[in-house]
Amino acid sequence: MLVVDFMHECELGTWKSLFTHLIRLLYAIPGGDKLVASLDAMRPYIPSFGNGVIRRFANNMSEMKRLAARDFEDILQCCIPVFEGLFPEPHDSIVQSLLYHFAQWHALAKLRIHSESTLSLLQETFANLSQRLRHFAVHTCNAFNTMELPKEKVAH
């Protein structure tokens, strides 16, 4: 269940892929440019926290330029209210639940010391996250025709 290189496999792997796909889904919704712009407009409203715990976000989160693993981790920790209401129902509820379970699993997996209770909670949370990912893939991803992001088009 726990990966060998958590930073590369989770924050720069699975989470970055999910975040990129959520941006693709937003572009696939009619008026998606405005939805992505409203996602980026939330950046100033997310304050930094602690001494290097959550840093200021890049100008455009959706472009994902010059983001390190810590930036993706910060986005994961703060993304639930940012994505709230961007998708039509029932997809918004599915995305919100997925983001919550991903953040919960991520927080538990980053614990430095585990007990029997945290390991069982981690196992239960992983099962819930897997179920939410499958539900997201079947119901939300299949409901939209996604296309390349603008930066991917330019790269081709």
Protein backbone atom coordinates (compact mmCIF):
# COMPACT_ATOMS: atom_id res chain seq x y z
CA MET A 1 0.00 0.00 0.00
CA LEU A 2 2.80 2.47 0.80
CA VAL A 3 5.03 3.35 -2.10
CA VAL A 4 8.80 3.37 -1.96
CA ASP A 5 9.22 6.96 -3.24
CA PHE A 6 6.14 8.77 -1.96
CA MET A 7 7.06 12.17 -3.39
CA HIS A 8 7.57 10.98 -6.96
CA GLU A 9 4.89 8.33 -7.06
CA CYS A 10 2.14 10.21 -5.23
CA GLU A 11 2.66 13.97 -5.33
CA LEU A 12 4.38 14.11 -8.73
CA GLY A 13 2.66 10.97 -10.00
CA THR A 14 -0.89 10.12 -9.05
CA TRP A 15 -1.90 13.50 -7.62
CA LYS A 16 -0.38 15.51 -10.49
CA SER A 17 -2.14 13.23 -13.00
CA LEU A 18 -5.46 13.61 -11.20
CA PHE A 19 -5.06 17.40 -10.95
CA THR A 20 -4.18 17.60 -14.65
CA HIS A 21 -7.20 15.50 -15.54
CA LEU A 22 -9.48 17.71 -13.42
CA ILE A 23 -8.22 20.71 -15.40
CA ARG A 24 -8.91 18.81 -18.65
CA LEU A 25 -12.44 18.05 -17.43
CA LEU A 26 -13.01 21.73 -16.64
CA TYR A 27 -11.97 22.68 -20.18
CA ALA A 28 -14.39 20.05 -21.54
CA ILE A 29 -17.39 21.70 -19.83
CA PRO A 30 -19.08 24.43 -21.90
CA GLY A 31 -17.51 27.70 -20.78
CA GLY A 32 -14.52 25.79 -19.44
CA ASP A 33 -12.12 28.67 -20.05
CA LYS A 34 -14.07 30.74 -17.54
CA LEU A 35 -14.13 27.86 -15.05
CA VAL A 36 -10.36 27.46 -15.25
CA ALA A 37 -9.98 31.25 -14.92
CA SER A 38 -12.13 31.17 -11.77
CA LEU A 39 -9.96 28.32 -10.44
CA ASP A 40 -6.88 30.48 -11.00
CA ALA A 41 -8.64 33.52 -9.52
CA MET A 42 -8.93 31.70 -6.16
CA ARG A 43 -5.15 31.78 -5.71
CA PRO A 44 -4.98 35.11 -3.82
CA TYR A 45 -7.67 33.97 -1.40
CA ILE A 46 -5.63 30.99 -0.19
CA PRO A 47 -3.28 32.34 2.46
CA SER A 48 0.10 30.87 3.21
CA PHE A 49 0.28 28.96 6.47
CA GLY A 50 3.06 28.39 8.95
CA ASN A 51 6.75 28.55 8.29
CA GLY A 52 6.95 26.84 4.91
CA VAL A 53 3.97 24.56 5.55
CA ILE A 54 1.77 25.99 2.80
CA ARG A 55 3.49 28.49 0.54
CA ARG A 56 2.05 31.08 -1.84
CA PHE A 57 0.67 29.52 -5.00
CA ALA A 58 1.95 30.20 -8.51
CA ASN A 59 0.15 32.75 -10.64
CA ASN A 60 -1.81 30.13 -12.57
CA MET A 61 -2.26 26.81 -10.87
CA SER A 62 -3.90 25.43 -14.00
CA GLU A 63 -0.77 26.01 -16.12
CA MET A 64 1.38 24.09 -13.62
CA LYS A 65 4.54 25.96 -14.59
CA ARG A 66 7.58 25.56 -12.35
CA LEU A 67 5.78 23.54 -9.71
CA ALA A 68 7.76 21.28 -7.40
CA ALA A 69 6.41 18.35 -5.43
CA ARG A 70 5.82 20.61 -2.41
CA ASP A 71 3.64 22.87 -4.59
CA PHE A 72 1.49 19.93 -5.67
CA GLU A 73 1.25 18.87 -2.03
CA ASP A 74 0.08 22.38 -1.09
CA ILE A 75 -2.49 22.35 -3.90
CA LEU A 76 -3.82 19.01 -2.64
CA GLN A 77 -4.16 20.36 0.88
CA CYS A 78 -6.10 23.45 -0.29
CA CYS A 79 -7.99 22.30 -3.40
CA ILE A 80 -11.36 21.28 -1.98
CA PRO A 81 -12.84 24.80 -1.66
CA VAL A 82 -11.14 25.86 -4.92
CA PHE A 83 -12.90 23.15 -6.96
CA GLU A 84 -16.22 23.52 -5.13
CA GLY A 85 -19.04 24.39 -7.53
CA LEU A 86 -16.95 24.27 -10.71
CA PHE A 87 -18.48 21.01 -11.94
CA PRO A 88 -22.20 20.47 -12.54
CA GLU A 89 -23.98 18.11 -10.16
CA PRO A 90 -23.68 15.16 -9.57
CA HIS A 91 -20.05 15.45 -10.73
CA ASP A 92 -19.24 18.19 -8.24
CA SER A 93 -20.14 15.90 -5.34
CA ILE A 94 -18.06 13.09 -6.83
CA VAL A 95 -15.04 15.37 -7.29
CA GLN A 96 -15.37 16.86 -3.79
CA SER A 97 -15.56 13.39 -2.23
CA LEU A 98 -12.57 12.21 -4.27
CA LEU A 99 -10.48 15.24 -3.27
CA TYR A 100 -11.38 14.78 0.39
CA HIS A 101 -10.46 11.10 0.43
CA PHE A 102 -7.24 11.74 -1.50
CA ALA A 103 -6.19 14.46 0.97
CA GLN A 104 -7.12 12.24 3.92
CA TRP A 105 -5.11 9.32 2.55
CA HIS A 106 -2.18 11.61 1.76
CA ALA A 107 -2.15 13.04 5.29
CA LEU A 108 -2.22 9.58 6.86
CA ALA A 109 0.44 8.23 4.51
CA LYS A 110 2.78 11.13 5.38
CA LEU A 111 2.72 10.33 9.10
CA ARG A 112 6.23 9.54 10.29
CA ILE A 113 5.17 7.08 13.00
CA HIS A 114 2.21 4.72 12.81
CA SER A 115 0.31 2.77 15.42
CA GLU A 116 -2.06 -0.13 14.90
CA SER A 117 -5.02 2.27 14.82
CA THR A 118 -3.44 4.62 12.25
CA LEU A 119 -2.44 1.68 10.06
CA SER A 120 -5.99 0.31 10.09
CA LEU A 121 -7.33 3.82 9.37
CA LEU A 122 -4.82 4.15 6.52
CA GLN A 123 -5.94 0.81 5.09
CA GLU A 124 -9.62 1.82 5.36
CA THR A 125 -8.91 5.22 3.83
CA PHE A 126 -7.01 3.62 0.95
CA ALA A 127 -9.98 1.33 0.26
CA ASN A 128 -12.31 4.37 0.29
CA LEU A 129 -9.98 6.32 -1.99
CA SER A 130 -9.78 3.40 -4.44
CA GLN A 131 -13.56 3.16 -4.50
CA ARG A 132 -13.91 6.94 -5.09
CA LEU A 133 -11.33 6.82 -7.91
CA ARG A 134 -13.23 4.03 -9.65
CA HIS A 135 -16.53 5.89 -9.18
CA PHE A 136 -14.93 9.07 -10.57
CA ALA A 137 -13.53 7.21 -13.59
CA VAL A 138 -16.82 5.50 -14.42
CA HIS A 139 -19.27 8.34 -13.80
CA THR A 140 -17.45 11.66 -14.21
CA CYS A 141 -14.65 10.93 -16.66
CA ASN A 142 -16.97 9.13 -19.06
CA ALA A 143 -19.45 12.05 -19.00
CA PHE A 144 -17.04 14.50 -20.68
CA ASN A 145 -15.03 14.49 -23.89
CA THR A 146 -11.68 15.73 -22.73
CA MET A 147 -9.03 17.26 -24.96
CA GLU A 148 -5.46 18.39 -24.61
CA LEU A 149 -4.66 21.31 -22.36
CA PRO A 150 -3.55 24.50 -24.12
CA LYS A 151 0.08 23.96 -23.01
CA GLU A 152 -0.06 20.40 -24.42
CA LYS A 153 -1.33 21.70 -27.79
CA VAL A 154 1.52 24.20 -27.93
CA ALA A 155 4.03 21.46 -27.11
CA HIS A 156 2.86 19.40 -30.10
